[in-house]
Amino acid sequence: MNASILLIPFFFIRFFLLNQSGKNVSQRAAHFAPLHGNERIAYFIYQLTTLALIVVPFLLTIEVHGVVSVLGWILYALSLIILYFAIVHFAKPGDGGINTNGIYQYSRNPMYGAYFIFFLSCAILTQSWVYLGILVLFQIATHWIILAEERWCQATFEDAYTVYASKVRRYL
């Protein structure tokens, strides 16, 4: 089976459900913090690897091989569940505009965590080392994007973000 089918639920949750969650939610999700220095290079790599992670599954097939396949399907389902809750809770920020409710009580970046788990599950299900390599580059670039976002959050939300960041982990 062509691996591109794996993308359908991901796109449904990430784009359709997000767009149905409220009028400014898509704009907030698409916002990128101002980038400095090497963060611009990371952003370029992030965009290229995102494109590759979406296009490459059209060239791959889902491989079914025992325990590895089961692990891939478990991670796949887990990633979609995390992404769903990240989207639902992202749509309802607190009074100050910062997301600290729901899944955001446990991770400051659950959407990025869900993306990583999702693409990792795709690498496992397709047994593609190339796809896994692209994912590693994507994740390194994502870390730089997150650092820029955290700087923006600190400047925007000030003490509220400082308190939040001191209590909640950056990743899952």
Protein backbone atom coordinates (compact mmCIF):
# COMPACT_ATOMS: atom_id res chain seq x y z
CA MET A 1 0.00 0.00 0.00
CA ASN A 2 1.32 3.46 -0.87
CA ALA A 3 2.48 5.31 2.25
CA SER A 4 0.84 8.58 1.19
CA ILE A 5 -2.39 7.24 2.70
CA LEU A 6 -0.80 7.79 6.12
CA LEU A 7 -0.94 11.55 5.52
CA ILE A 8 -4.75 11.79 5.21
CA PRO A 9 -5.66 11.73 8.94
CA PHE A 10 -2.71 14.00 9.71
CA PHE A 11 -3.86 16.63 7.21
CA PHE A 12 -7.46 16.29 8.32
CA ILE A 13 -6.56 17.04 11.95
CA ARG A 14 -3.85 19.62 11.26
CA PHE A 15 -5.71 21.68 8.67
CA PHE A 16 -9.44 20.89 8.54
CA LEU A 17 -10.01 20.49 12.27
CA LEU A 18 -7.74 23.44 13.02
CA ASN A 19 -9.69 25.65 10.58
CA GLN A 20 -12.96 24.60 12.21
CA SER A 21 -11.70 25.49 15.69
CA GLY A 22 -12.09 29.26 15.43
CA LYS A 23 -11.44 32.21 13.20
CA ASN A 24 -7.93 33.23 14.28
CA VAL A 25 -6.66 29.77 15.14
CA SER A 26 -5.13 29.01 11.72
CA GLN A 27 -3.36 32.36 11.68
CA ARG A 28 -1.95 31.75 15.16
CA ALA A 29 -0.76 28.27 14.17
CA ALA A 30 0.90 29.61 11.00
CA HIS A 31 2.73 32.37 12.89
CA PHE A 32 6.50 32.10 12.91
CA ALA A 33 8.46 34.06 15.47
CA PRO A 34 11.08 36.53 14.24
CA LEU A 35 14.27 34.69 13.34
CA HIS A 36 17.85 35.71 14.06
CA GLY A 37 21.16 34.51 12.61
CA ASN A 38 21.32 30.71 12.23
CA GLU A 39 17.59 30.45 12.90
CA ARG A 40 17.03 31.66 9.32
CA ILE A 41 19.06 28.72 8.02
CA ALA A 42 17.12 26.40 10.33
CA TYR A 43 13.84 27.82 8.99
CA PHE A 44 14.95 27.11 5.41
CA ILE A 45 15.94 23.55 6.37
CA TYR A 46 12.64 23.19 8.26
CA GLN A 47 10.66 24.16 5.15
CA LEU A 48 12.65 21.86 2.85
CA THR A 49 12.44 18.88 5.18
CA THR A 50 8.73 19.47 5.78
CA LEU A 51 8.19 19.33 2.02
CA ALA A 52 10.28 16.16 1.79
CA LEU A 53 8.42 14.49 4.68
CA ILE A 54 5.16 15.13 2.83
CA VAL A 55 6.30 14.22 -0.70
CA VAL A 56 8.50 11.18 -0.02
CA PRO A 57 5.62 8.97 1.28
CA PHE A 58 4.19 9.08 -2.26
CA LEU A 59 7.31 7.17 -3.31
CA LEU A 60 7.20 4.63 -0.48
CA THR A 61 5.07 1.68 0.53
CA ILE A 62 3.92 0.55 3.95
CA GLU A 63 5.88 -2.54 5.00
CA VAL A 64 4.26 -5.10 7.30
CA HIS A 65 6.83 -7.04 9.34
CA GLY A 66 5.74 -8.18 12.80
CA VAL A 67 6.75 -6.25 15.90
CA VAL A 68 8.29 -3.33 13.99
CA SER A 69 5.03 -2.81 12.14
CA VAL A 70 3.01 -2.98 15.37
CA LEU A 71 5.31 -0.37 16.95
CA GLY A 72 4.85 1.85 13.91
CA TRP A 73 1.05 1.61 14.08
CA ILE A 74 1.02 2.31 17.83
CA LEU A 75 3.17 5.42 17.36
CA TYR A 76 1.02 6.46 14.41
CA ALA A 77 -2.18 6.30 16.48
CA LEU A 78 -0.49 8.00 19.45
CA SER A 79 0.74 10.85 17.25
CA LEU A 80 -2.73 11.51 15.85
CA ILE A 81 -4.26 11.50 19.35
CA ILE A 82 -1.63 13.94 20.62
CA LEU A 83 -2.07 16.14 17.55
CA TYR A 84 -5.85 16.16 18.02
CA PHE A 85 -5.59 17.33 21.63
CA ALA A 86 -2.84 19.83 20.78
CA ILE A 87 -5.13 21.38 18.13
CA VAL A 88 -8.22 21.39 20.37
CA HIS A 89 -6.36 23.02 23.26
CA PHE A 90 -4.43 25.40 20.99
CA ALA A 91 -7.78 26.79 19.84
CA LYS A 92 -8.62 27.87 23.39
CA PRO A 93 -5.76 29.90 24.89
CA GLY A 94 -6.03 31.29 28.40
CA ASP A 95 -7.08 34.83 29.24
CA GLY A 96 -3.61 36.24 28.58
CA GLY A 97 -3.41 34.57 25.17
CA ILE A 98 -0.94 31.90 26.24
CA ASN A 99 -1.80 28.21 25.91
CA THR A 100 -1.39 26.53 29.28
CA ASN A 101 -4.49 24.34 29.36
CA GLY A 102 -5.08 20.71 28.43
CA ILE A 103 -2.09 18.99 26.87
CA TYR A 104 -0.14 22.27 27.15
CA GLN A 105 0.06 21.57 30.90
CA TYR A 106 2.49 18.76 30.08
CA SER A 107 4.41 20.10 27.08
CA ARG A 108 5.01 23.58 25.75
CA ASN A 109 5.21 22.18 22.21
CA PRO A 110 2.81 19.25 21.86
CA MET A 111 2.13 19.93 18.17
CA TYR A 112 5.83 19.66 17.34
CA GLY A 113 6.01 16.54 19.51
CA ALA A 114 3.08 15.04 17.62
CA TYR A 115 4.73 15.89 14.29
CA PHE A 116 7.91 14.10 15.35
CA ILE A 117 6.07 10.99 16.53
CA PHE A 118 3.92 10.99 13.39
CA PHE A 119 6.85 11.23 10.99
CA LEU A 120 8.81 8.69 13.06
CA SER A 121 5.89 6.28 12.74
CA CYS A 122 5.92 6.84 8.97
CA ALA A 123 9.66 6.06 8.88
CA ILE A 124 9.03 2.87 10.85
CA LEU A 125 6.01 1.81 8.78
CA THR A 126 7.89 2.35 5.51
CA GLN A 127 11.19 1.08 6.93
CA SER A 128 12.92 3.93 5.13
CA TRP A 129 16.30 5.04 6.41
CA VAL A 130 16.20 7.99 4.01
CA TYR A 131 12.90 9.15 5.50
CA LEU A 132 14.36 8.75 8.99
CA GLY A 133 17.38 10.84 7.97
CA ILE A 134 15.10 13.59 6.66
CA LEU A 135 13.23 13.45 9.97
CA VAL A 136 16.46 13.92 11.94
CA LEU A 137 17.26 17.07 9.93
CA PHE A 138 13.65 18.24 10.36
CA GLN A 139 13.85 17.78 14.12
CA ILE A 140 17.14 19.64 14.45
CA ALA A 141 15.68 22.56 12.47
CA THR A 142 12.48 22.38 14.51
CA HIS A 143 14.47 22.81 17.71
CA TRP A 144 15.88 26.10 16.38
CA ILE A 145 12.37 27.25 15.40
CA ILE A 146 11.14 26.41 18.91
CA LEU A 147 13.96 28.45 20.45
CA ALA A 148 12.87 31.45 18.36
CA GLU A 149 9.24 30.90 19.39
CA GLU A 150 10.22 30.73 23.04
CA ARG A 151 12.10 34.01 22.74
CA TRP A 152 8.98 35.57 21.15
CA CYS A 153 6.74 34.11 23.87
CA GLN A 154 9.04 35.48 26.57
CA ALA A 155 8.92 38.96 25.00
CA THR A 156 5.15 38.80 24.43
CA PHE A 157 3.87 37.13 27.60
CA GLU A 158 6.73 38.15 29.94
CA ASP A 159 6.34 36.84 33.51
CA ALA A 160 3.40 34.59 32.62
CA TYR A 161 5.61 32.72 30.16
CA THR A 162 8.55 32.60 32.57
CA VAL A 163 6.35 30.91 35.19
CA TYR A 164 4.84 28.57 32.59
CA ALA A 165 8.26 27.61 31.16
CA SER A 166 9.59 26.91 34.65
CA LYS A 167 6.78 24.41 35.30
CA VAL A 168 6.27 22.73 31.92
CA ARG A 169 8.81 20.86 29.78
CA ARG A 170 9.70 22.06 26.30
CA TYR A 171 9.00 18.65 24.77
CA LEU A 172 6.90 15.62 25.66
